């Protein structure tokens, strides 16, 4: 079951009990790249509330980036990262990169922008890690080491040991390359101005939660996170201030079992 609340982020979070969420996956608005119908939000208060509602070991996946103003990056992402650690108590467990299969509009003075950050922030040591093992190994089926593998015995002699065979796949690195939301849904109109790719939300949820866990998106937008949570057997809560975006989500993302509350 997933629930979508048509409410401001702080009003919605205030309704959640302490330590009631296992994982949060969100892609918040940053800088002034989109108008979002004129809505604004309080980052600092939201960050502190997210720490409150996460269980010990809970993980917040924060997908954000910086815009360029007067020729300089804004450092929004860096400032948020520091605030999460120094003002909220989160661990900066990992800094991941979402590399897009494609670039933004052509740049004349810098290389094309093709990535966004995904900060993996944990409330203490992460309670769950389900690594995705899909990186193809070029040496699959071959010995895992060269030469003769040995172990030294207590008497000083060397005993040959069997060499392990390289497996077909190994765990991913922390740079994930994949389609944008627009590339996922070619020839389908996207009503929301900024949509997280469904594959990204799914893989983050797979990695940092288990079936039955509660997944939160406090700035739900088009509700990609809720759709991903539902498809993976998780529970979900989304909070979105815009009634228009809530209706778009109900129509395009949340077909089937869900509730919409004002």
C-alpha atoms as a PDB file:
ATOM      1  CA  UNK A   1       0.000   0.000   0.000  1.00  0.00           C
ATOM      2  CA  UNK A   2       1.249   3.478  -0.841  1.00  0.00           C
ATOM      3  CA  UNK A   3      -0.181   6.742   0.477  1.00  0.00           C
ATOM      4  CA  UNK A   4       0.092  10.159  -1.161  1.00  0.00           C
ATOM      5  CA  UNK A   5      -0.567  13.234   0.963  1.00  0.00           C
ATOM      6  CA  UNK A   6      -1.475  16.536  -0.705  1.00  0.00           C
ATOM      7  CA  UNK A   7       0.285  18.717   1.877  1.00  0.00           C
ATOM      8  CA  UNK A   8       3.333  20.890   2.463  1.00  0.00           C
ATOM      9  CA  UNK A   9       6.472  18.951   3.235  1.00  0.00           C
ATOM     10  CA  UNK A  10       6.752  20.061   6.862  1.00  0.00           C
ATOM     11  CA  UNK A  11       3.034  19.625   7.537  1.00  0.00           C
ATOM     12  CA  UNK A  12       3.185  16.138   6.054  1.00  0.00           C
ATOM     13  CA  UNK A  13       6.331  15.112   7.935  1.00  0.00           C
ATOM     14  CA  UNK A  14       4.848  16.370  11.197  1.00  0.00           C
ATOM     15  CA  UNK A  15       2.192  13.651  10.893  1.00  0.00           C
ATOM     16  CA  UNK A  16       4.795  10.860  10.851  1.00  0.00           C
ATOM     17  CA  UNK A  17       5.898   9.285  14.141  1.00  0.00           C
ATOM     18  CA  UNK A  18       9.530   9.248  15.206  1.00  0.00           C
ATOM     19  CA  UNK A  19      11.554   6.389  13.695  1.00  0.00           C
ATOM     20  CA  UNK A  20       8.758   5.182  11.405  1.00  0.00           C
ATOM     21  CA  UNK A  21      10.541   5.133   8.029  1.00  0.00           C
ATOM     22  CA  UNK A  22      13.212   2.665   6.907  1.00  0.00           C
ATOM     23  CA  UNK A  23      14.352   4.434   3.737  1.00  0.00           C
ATOM     24  CA  UNK A  24      13.812   7.780   2.034  1.00  0.00           C
ATOM     25  CA  UNK A  25      14.431   8.271  -1.690  1.00  0.00           C
ATOM     26  CA  UNK A  26      13.878  11.756  -3.059  1.00  0.00           C
ATOM     27  CA  UNK A  27      14.998  14.203  -5.732  1.00  0.00           C
ATOM     28  CA  UNK A  28      14.273  17.649  -4.277  1.00  0.00           C
ATOM     29  CA  UNK A  29      14.118  20.931  -6.187  1.00  0.00           C
ATOM     30  CA  UNK A  30      17.433  22.783  -6.162  1.00  0.00           C
ATOM     31  CA  UNK A  31      18.354  26.377  -6.999  1.00  0.00           C
ATOM     32  CA  UNK A  32      15.953  28.018  -9.476  1.00  0.00           C
ATOM     33  CA  UNK A  33      16.112  25.625 -12.407  1.00  0.00           C
ATOM     34  CA  UNK A  34      12.353  24.948 -12.279  1.00  0.00           C
ATOM     35  CA  UNK A  35       9.447  27.129 -11.124  1.00  0.00           C
ATOM     36  CA  UNK A  36       7.273  24.318  -9.666  1.00  0.00           C
ATOM     37  CA  UNK A  37       4.212  26.571  -9.786  1.00  0.00           C
ATOM     38  CA  UNK A  38       5.943  29.026  -7.466  1.00  0.00           C
ATOM     39  CA  UNK A  39       6.146  26.620  -4.505  1.00  0.00           C
ATOM     40  CA  UNK A  40       9.081  26.859  -2.096  1.00  0.00           C
ATOM     41  CA  UNK A  41      10.315  24.703   0.787  1.00  0.00           C
ATOM     42  CA  UNK A  42      12.544  24.959   3.869  1.00  0.00           C
ATOM     43  CA  UNK A  43      15.592  22.724   3.367  1.00  0.00           C
ATOM     44  CA  UNK A  44      17.020  22.991   6.894  1.00  0.00           C
ATOM     45  CA  UNK A  45      13.753  22.160   8.668  1.00  0.00           C
ATOM     46  CA  UNK A  46      13.044  19.341   6.216  1.00  0.00           C
ATOM     47  CA  UNK A  47      16.486  17.803   6.727  1.00  0.00           C
ATOM     48  CA  UNK A  48      16.042  17.720  10.506  1.00  0.00           C
ATOM     49  CA  UNK A  49      12.580  16.177  10.183  1.00  0.00           C
ATOM     50  CA  UNK A  50      13.933  13.460   7.893  1.00  0.00           C
ATOM     51  CA  UNK A  51      16.487  12.489  10.528  1.00  0.00           C
ATOM     52  CA  UNK A  52      13.692  12.308  13.110  1.00  0.00           C
ATOM     53  CA  UNK A  53      11.392  10.009  11.121  1.00  0.00           C
ATOM     54  CA  UNK A  54      14.109   7.573   9.998  1.00  0.00           C
ATOM     55  CA  UNK A  55      14.688   4.461  12.079  1.00  0.00           C
ATOM     56  CA  UNK A  56      18.182   3.825  13.486  1.00  0.00           C
ATOM     57  CA  UNK A  57      20.137   2.532  10.518  1.00  0.00           C
ATOM     58  CA  UNK A  58      17.694   4.131   8.088  1.00  0.00           C
ATOM     59  CA  UNK A  59      19.052   5.561   4.841  1.00  0.00           C
ATOM     60  CA  UNK A  60      18.238   8.777   2.982  1.00  0.00           C
ATOM     61  CA  UNK A  61      19.042   8.778  -0.760  1.00  0.00           C
ATOM     62  CA  UNK A  62      19.280  12.456  -1.758  1.00  0.00           C
ATOM     63  CA  UNK A  63      19.472  13.063  -5.534  1.00  0.00           C
ATOM     64  CA  UNK A  64      20.574  16.659  -6.194  1.00  0.00           C
ATOM     65  CA  UNK A  65      22.933  18.799  -8.240  1.00  0.00           C
ATOM     66  CA  UNK A  66      24.117  22.393  -8.698  1.00  0.00           C
ATOM     67  CA  UNK A  67      23.143  24.987 -11.243  1.00  0.00           C
ATOM     68  CA  UNK A  68      25.605  27.433 -12.779  1.00  0.00           C
ATOM     69  CA  UNK A  69      25.088  31.134 -11.973  1.00  0.00           C
ATOM     70  CA  UNK A  70      27.361  33.846 -13.371  1.00  0.00           C
ATOM     71  CA  UNK A  71      29.794  31.200 -14.558  1.00  0.00           C
ATOM     72  CA  UNK A  72      30.119  29.418 -11.209  1.00  0.00           C
ATOM     73  CA  UNK A  73      28.458  26.366  -9.696  1.00  0.00           C
ATOM     74  CA  UNK A  74      26.238  27.305  -6.761  1.00  0.00           C
ATOM     75  CA  UNK A  75      27.578  24.642  -4.337  1.00  0.00           C
ATOM     76  CA  UNK A  76      24.019  23.910  -3.220  1.00  0.00           C
ATOM     77  CA  UNK A  77      24.731  20.183  -3.053  1.00  0.00           C
ATOM     78  CA  UNK A  78      27.924  20.658  -1.005  1.00  0.00           C
ATOM     79  CA  UNK A  79      26.205  22.953   1.475  1.00  0.00           C
ATOM     80  CA  UNK A  80      23.344  20.497   1.911  1.00  0.00           C
ATOM     81  CA  UNK A  81      25.773  17.603   2.406  1.00  0.00           C
ATOM     82  CA  UNK A  82      27.618  19.480   5.147  1.00  0.00           C
ATOM     83  CA  UNK A  83      24.347  20.498   6.830  1.00  0.00           C
ATOM     84  CA  UNK A  84      23.122  16.903   6.887  1.00  0.00           C
ATOM     85  CA  UNK A  85      26.236  15.807   8.759  1.00  0.00           C
ATOM     86  CA  UNK A  86      26.988  18.761  11.021  1.00  0.00           C
ATOM     87  CA  UNK A  87      23.480  19.992  11.847  1.00  0.00           C
ATOM     88  CA  UNK A  88      21.398  16.795  11.648  1.00  0.00           C
ATOM     89  CA  UNK A  89      23.734  13.958  12.656  1.00  0.00           C
ATOM     90  CA  UNK A  90      23.644  11.937   9.432  1.00  0.00           C
ATOM     91  CA  UNK A  91      26.637   9.916   8.308  1.00  0.00           C
ATOM     92  CA  UNK A  92      27.774  10.613   4.760  1.00  0.00           C
ATOM     93  CA  UNK A  93      27.797   6.924   3.961  1.00  0.00           C
ATOM     94  CA  UNK A  94      28.527   7.332   0.242  1.00  0.00           C
ATOM     95  CA  UNK A  95      28.555   9.894  -2.542  1.00  0.00           C
ATOM     96  CA  UNK A  96      27.208   8.243  -5.649  1.00  0.00           C
ATOM     97  CA  UNK A  97      27.009   9.532  -9.196  1.00  0.00           C
ATOM     98  CA  UNK A  98      24.015   9.114 -11.513  1.00  0.00           C
ATOM     99  CA  UNK A  99      25.507   9.398 -15.007  1.00  0.00           C
ATOM    100  CA  UNK A 100      22.932  10.160 -17.666  1.00  0.00           C
ATOM    101  CA  UNK A 101      22.819   8.505 -21.080  1.00  0.00           C
ATOM    102  CA  UNK A 102      22.865  11.872 -22.781  1.00  0.00           C
ATOM    103  CA  UNK A 103      23.736  15.463 -21.942  1.00  0.00           C
ATOM    104  CA  UNK A 104      22.054  18.782 -21.352  1.00  0.00           C
ATOM    105  CA  UNK A 105      22.063  21.659 -23.834  1.00  0.00           C
ATOM    106  CA  UNK A 106      25.448  22.289 -25.511  1.00  0.00           C
ATOM    107  CA  UNK A 107      27.981  24.294 -23.514  1.00  0.00           C
ATOM    108  CA  UNK A 108      30.534  26.648 -25.080  1.00  0.00           C
ATOM    109  CA  UNK A 109      32.855  27.077 -22.090  1.00  0.00           C
ATOM    110  CA  UNK A 110      32.758  23.745 -20.223  1.00  0.00           C
ATOM    111  CA  UNK A 111      32.268  20.037 -20.825  1.00  0.00           C
ATOM    112  CA  UNK A 112      28.713  18.739 -21.128  1.00  0.00           C
ATOM    113  CA  UNK A 113      26.862  18.178 -17.863  1.00  0.00           C
ATOM    114  CA  UNK A 114      26.023  14.468 -17.712  1.00  0.00           C
ATOM    115  CA  UNK A 115      25.723  13.610 -14.012  1.00  0.00           C
ATOM    116  CA  UNK A 116      23.900  14.264 -10.760  1.00  0.00           C
ATOM    117  CA  UNK A 117      24.830  13.418  -7.177  1.00  0.00           C
ATOM    118  CA  UNK A 118      23.057  10.835  -5.050  1.00  0.00           C
ATOM    119  CA  UNK A 119      24.133  11.280  -1.432  1.00  0.00           C
ATOM    120  CA  UNK A 120      23.631   8.141   0.654  1.00  0.00           C
ATOM    121  CA  UNK A 121      23.045   9.453   4.175  1.00  0.00           C
ATOM    122  CA  UNK A 122      22.572   7.066   7.081  1.00  0.00           C
ATOM    123  CA  UNK A 123      21.260   7.445  10.605  1.00  0.00           C
ATOM    124  CA  UNK A 124      24.066   5.472  12.200  1.00  0.00           C
ATOM    125  CA  UNK A 125      25.302   2.345  10.506  1.00  0.00           C
ATOM    126  CA  UNK A 126      22.969   1.304   7.621  1.00  0.00           C
ATOM    127  CA  UNK A 127      20.637  -1.486   8.688  1.00  0.00           C
ATOM    128  CA  UNK A 128      20.329  -2.896   5.162  1.00  0.00           C
ATOM    129  CA  UNK A 129      22.587  -3.233   2.149  1.00  0.00           C
ATOM    130  CA  UNK A 130      21.499  -5.433  -0.741  1.00  0.00           C
ATOM    131  CA  UNK A 131      24.251  -4.951  -3.336  1.00  0.00           C
ATOM    132  CA  UNK A 132      23.218  -5.133  -6.975  1.00  0.00           C
ATOM    133  CA  UNK A 133      25.463  -7.648  -8.720  1.00  0.00           C
ATOM    134  CA  UNK A 134      25.230  -6.973 -12.448  1.00  0.00           C
ATOM    135  CA  UNK A 135      28.656  -5.705 -13.549  1.00  0.00           C
ATOM    136  CA  UNK A 136      29.896  -8.112 -16.203  1.00  0.00           C
ATOM    137  CA  UNK A 137      33.403  -9.476 -15.603  1.00  0.00           C
ATOM    138  CA  UNK A 138      35.637  -9.665 -18.669  1.00  0.00           C
ATOM    139  CA  UNK A 139      37.550 -12.598 -17.178  1.00  0.00           C
ATOM    140  CA  UNK A 140      34.461 -14.621 -16.215  1.00  0.00           C
ATOM    141  CA  UNK A 141      35.228 -18.332 -16.068  1.00  0.00           C
ATOM    142  CA  UNK A 142      38.989 -17.814 -15.831  1.00  0.00           C
ATOM    143  CA  UNK A 143      41.148 -18.246 -12.727  1.00  0.00           C
ATOM    144  CA  UNK A 144      40.932 -15.352 -10.325  1.00  0.00           C
ATOM    145  CA  UNK A 145      44.715 -15.046  -9.993  1.00  0.00           C
ATOM    146  CA  UNK A 146      47.812 -15.771 -12.047  1.00  0.00           C
ATOM    147  CA  UNK A 147      50.533 -18.277 -11.274  1.00  0.00           C
ATOM    148  CA  UNK A 148      50.377 -20.865  -8.502  1.00  0.00           C
ATOM    149  CA  UNK A 149      48.392 -19.914  -5.413  1.00  0.00           C
ATOM    150  CA  UNK A 150      49.950 -21.222  -2.210  1.00  0.00           C
ATOM    151  CA  UNK A 151      49.619 -20.947   1.548  1.00  0.00           C
ATOM    152  CA  UNK A 152      52.521 -21.177   3.987  1.00  0.00           C
ATOM    153  CA  UNK A 153      52.138 -23.925   6.583  1.00  0.00           C
ATOM    154  CA  UNK A 154      53.367 -23.721  10.186  1.00  0.00           C
ATOM    155  CA  UNK A 155      56.502 -25.668   9.330  1.00  0.00           C
ATOM    156  CA  UNK A 156      57.396 -23.158   6.619  1.00  0.00           C
ATOM    157  CA  UNK A 157      56.495 -25.275   3.633  1.00  0.00           C
ATOM    158  CA  UNK A 158      54.222 -24.004   0.862  1.00  0.00           C
ATOM    159  CA  UNK A 159      51.029 -25.909  -0.023  1.00  0.00           C
ATOM    160  CA  UNK A 160      49.285 -25.312  -3.390  1.00  0.00           C
ATOM    161  CA  UNK A 161      45.711 -24.054  -3.132  1.00  0.00           C
ATOM    162  CA  UNK A 162      42.912 -24.109  -5.670  1.00  0.00           C
ATOM    163  CA  UNK A 163      42.379 -20.836  -7.482  1.00  0.00           C
ATOM    164  CA  UNK A 164      38.855 -19.427  -7.478  1.00  0.00           C
ATOM    165  CA  UNK A 165      37.144 -18.919 -10.825  1.00  0.00           C
ATOM    166  CA  UNK A 166      36.023 -15.404 -11.743  1.00  0.00           C
ATOM    167  CA  UNK A 167      32.241 -15.167 -11.526  1.00  0.00           C
ATOM    168  CA  UNK A 168      30.149 -13.835 -14.452  1.00  0.00           C
ATOM    169  CA  UNK A 169      29.102 -10.730 -12.524  1.00  0.00           C
ATOM    170  CA  UNK A 170      30.343  -8.640  -9.624  1.00  0.00           C
ATOM    171  CA  UNK A 171      28.957  -5.796  -7.529  1.00  0.00           C
ATOM    172  CA  UNK A 172      28.446  -2.398  -9.119  1.00  0.00           C
ATOM    173  CA  UNK A 173      30.591   0.592  -8.402  1.00  0.00           C
ATOM    174  CA  UNK A 174      29.082   3.810  -7.082  1.00  0.00           C
ATOM    175  CA  UNK A 175      28.753   5.443 -10.522  1.00  0.00           C
ATOM    176  CA  UNK A 176      25.475   4.335 -12.096  1.00  0.00           C
ATOM    177  CA  UNK A 177      24.865   5.078 -15.754  1.00  0.00           C
ATOM    178  CA  UNK A 178      21.335   4.916 -17.109  1.00  0.00           C
ATOM    179  CA  UNK A 179      18.526   6.521 -19.048  1.00  0.00           C
ATOM    180  CA  UNK A 180      16.860   9.757 -18.063  1.00  0.00           C
ATOM    181  CA  UNK A 181      13.126   9.727 -17.359  1.00  0.00           C
ATOM    182  CA  UNK A 182      12.501  11.054 -20.857  1.00  0.00           C
ATOM    183  CA  UNK A 183      14.566   8.271 -22.403  1.00  0.00           C
ATOM    184  CA  UNK A 184      12.695   5.684 -20.319  1.00  0.00           C
ATOM    185  CA  UNK A 185       9.360   6.846 -21.720  1.00  0.00           C
ATOM    186  CA  UNK A 186      10.104   7.794 -25.312  1.00  0.00           C
ATOM    187  CA  UNK A 187       7.103   9.300 -27.142  1.00  0.00           C
ATOM    188  CA  UNK A 188       5.249   9.742 -23.845  1.00  0.00           C
ATOM    189  CA  UNK A 189       4.540  13.260 -22.637  1.00  0.00           C
ATOM    190  CA  UNK A 190       5.902  13.982 -19.167  1.00  0.00           C
ATOM    191  CA  UNK A 191       3.629  16.437 -17.367  1.00  0.00           C
ATOM    192  CA  UNK A 192       5.991  17.089 -14.442  1.00  0.00           C
ATOM    193  CA  UNK A 193       8.993  19.412 -15.101  1.00  0.00           C
ATOM    194  CA  UNK A 194      11.609  17.213 -13.376  1.00  0.00           C
ATOM    195  CA  UNK A 195      11.170  13.447 -13.063  1.00  0.00           C
ATOM    196  CA  UNK A 196      13.535  10.956 -11.457  1.00  0.00           C
ATOM    197  CA  UNK A 197      14.125   7.882 -13.641  1.00  0.00           C
ATOM    198  CA  UNK A 198      12.147   4.891 -12.415  1.00  0.00           C
ATOM    199  CA  UNK A 199      15.164   2.566 -12.699  1.00  0.00           C
ATOM    200  CA  UNK A 200      17.183   4.832 -10.389  1.00  0.00           C
ATOM    201  CA  UNK A 201      14.492   4.924  -7.703  1.00  0.00           C
ATOM    202  CA  UNK A 202      14.067   1.141  -7.926  1.00  0.00           C
ATOM    203  CA  UNK A 203      17.770   0.380  -7.629  1.00  0.00           C
ATOM    204  CA  UNK A 204      18.203   2.712  -4.661  1.00  0.00           C
ATOM    205  CA  UNK A 205      15.228   1.136  -2.914  1.00  0.00           C
ATOM    206  CA  UNK A 206      16.510  -2.372  -3.671  1.00  0.00           C
ATOM    207  CA  UNK A 207      19.904  -1.496  -2.246  1.00  0.00           C
ATOM    208  CA  UNK A 208      18.890   0.178   1.003  1.00  0.00           C
ATOM    209  CA  UNK A 209      15.633  -1.511   2.077  1.00  0.00           C
ATOM    210  CA  UNK A 210      13.884  -4.859   2.362  1.00  0.00           C
ATOM    211  CA  UNK A 211      10.410  -5.985   1.302  1.00  0.00           C
ATOM    212  CA  UNK A 212       7.756  -4.600   3.620  1.00  0.00           C
ATOM    213  CA  UNK A 213       9.842  -1.581   4.637  1.00  0.00           C
ATOM    214  CA  UNK A 214       8.362   1.912   4.609  1.00  0.00           C
ATOM    215  CA  UNK A 215       9.748   4.139   1.837  1.00  0.00           C
ATOM    216  CA  UNK A 216       9.280   7.915   2.033  1.00  0.00           C
ATOM    217  CA  UNK A 217       9.454  10.672  -0.550  1.00  0.00           C
ATOM    218  CA  UNK A 218       8.769  14.002   1.197  1.00  0.00           C
ATOM    219  CA  UNK A 219       8.931  15.986  -2.067  1.00  0.00           C
ATOM    220  CA  UNK A 220       7.093  13.459  -4.161  1.00  0.00           C
ATOM    221  CA  UNK A 221       6.565  15.353  -7.416  1.00  0.00           C
ATOM    222  CA  UNK A 222       5.394  12.828  -9.993  1.00  0.00           C
ATOM    223  CA  UNK A 223       5.699  10.014  -7.389  1.00  0.00           C
ATOM    224  CA  UNK A 224       8.368   7.932  -9.084  1.00  0.00           C
ATOM    225  CA  UNK A 225       9.575   6.756  -5.666  1.00  0.00           C
ATOM    226  CA  UNK A 226       6.090   5.585  -4.653  1.00  0.00           C
ATOM    227  CA  UNK A 227       5.648   3.721  -7.932  1.00  0.00           C
ATOM    228  CA  UNK A 228       9.035   2.054  -7.472  1.00  0.00           C
ATOM    229  CA  UNK A 229       8.288   1.143  -3.847  1.00  0.00           C
ATOM    230  CA  UNK A 230       4.960  -0.405  -4.769  1.00  0.00           C
ATOM    231  CA  UNK A 231       6.476  -2.481  -7.572  1.00  0.00           C
ATOM    232  CA  UNK A 232       9.141  -3.855  -5.200  1.00  0.00           C
ATOM    233  CA  UNK A 233       6.801  -4.941  -2.405  1.00  0.00           C
ATOM    234  CA  UNK A 234       7.508  -2.000  -0.112  1.00  0.00           C
ATOM    235  CA  UNK A 235       5.077   0.331   1.592  1.00  0.00           C
ATOM    236  CA  UNK A 236       5.254   3.980   0.621  1.00  0.00           C
ATOM    237  CA  UNK A 237       4.419   7.491   1.765  1.00  0.00           C
ATOM    238  CA  UNK A 238       4.646  10.520  -0.493  1.00  0.00           C
ATOM    239  CA  UNK A 239       4.110  14.176   0.405  1.00  0.00           C
ATOM    240  CA  UNK A 240       3.392  16.705  -2.339  1.00  0.00           C
ATOM    241  CA  UNK A 241       2.084  20.251  -1.949  1.00  0.00           C
ATOM    242  CA  UNK A 242       0.801  20.701  -5.505  1.00  0.00           C
ATOM    243  CA  UNK A 243      -2.679  19.301  -6.073  1.00  0.00           C
ATOM    244  CA  UNK A 244      -1.913  19.359  -9.803  1.00  0.00           C
ATOM    245  CA  UNK A 245       1.183  17.178  -9.407  1.00  0.00           C
ATOM    246  CA  UNK A 246      -0.734  14.832  -7.097  1.00  0.00           C
ATOM    247  CA  UNK A 247      -3.366  14.320  -9.780  1.00  0.00           C
ATOM    248  CA  UNK A 248      -0.698  13.737 -12.429  1.00  0.00           C
ATOM    249  CA  UNK A 249       0.869  11.107 -10.180  1.00  0.00           C
ATOM    250  CA  UNK A 250      -2.454   9.367  -9.592  1.00  0.00           C
ATOM    251  CA  UNK A 251      -3.143   9.330 -13.325  1.00  0.00           C
ATOM    252  CA  UNK A 252       0.297   8.284 -14.565  1.00  0.00           C
ATOM    253  CA  UNK A 253       2.233   6.585 -11.754  1.00  0.00           C
ATOM    254  CA  UNK A 254      -0.095   5.152  -9.143  1.00  0.00           C
ATOM    255  CA  UNK A 255      -2.535   3.064 -11.118  1.00  0.00           C
ATOM    256  CA  UNK A 256      -4.044   0.508  -8.778  1.00  0.00           C
ATOM    257  CA  UNK A 257      -3.811   0.420  -4.999  1.00  0.00           C
ATOM    258  CA  UNK A 258      -3.101   3.758  -3.380  1.00  0.00           C
ATOM    259  CA  UNK A 259      -4.748   6.376  -1.211  1.00  0.00           C
ATOM    260  CA  UNK A 260      -4.814  10.133  -1.726  1.00  0.00           C
ATOM    261  CA  UNK A 261      -5.300  12.294   1.327  1.00  0.00           C
ATOM    262  CA  UNK A 262      -5.586  16.071   1.624  1.00  0.00           C
END
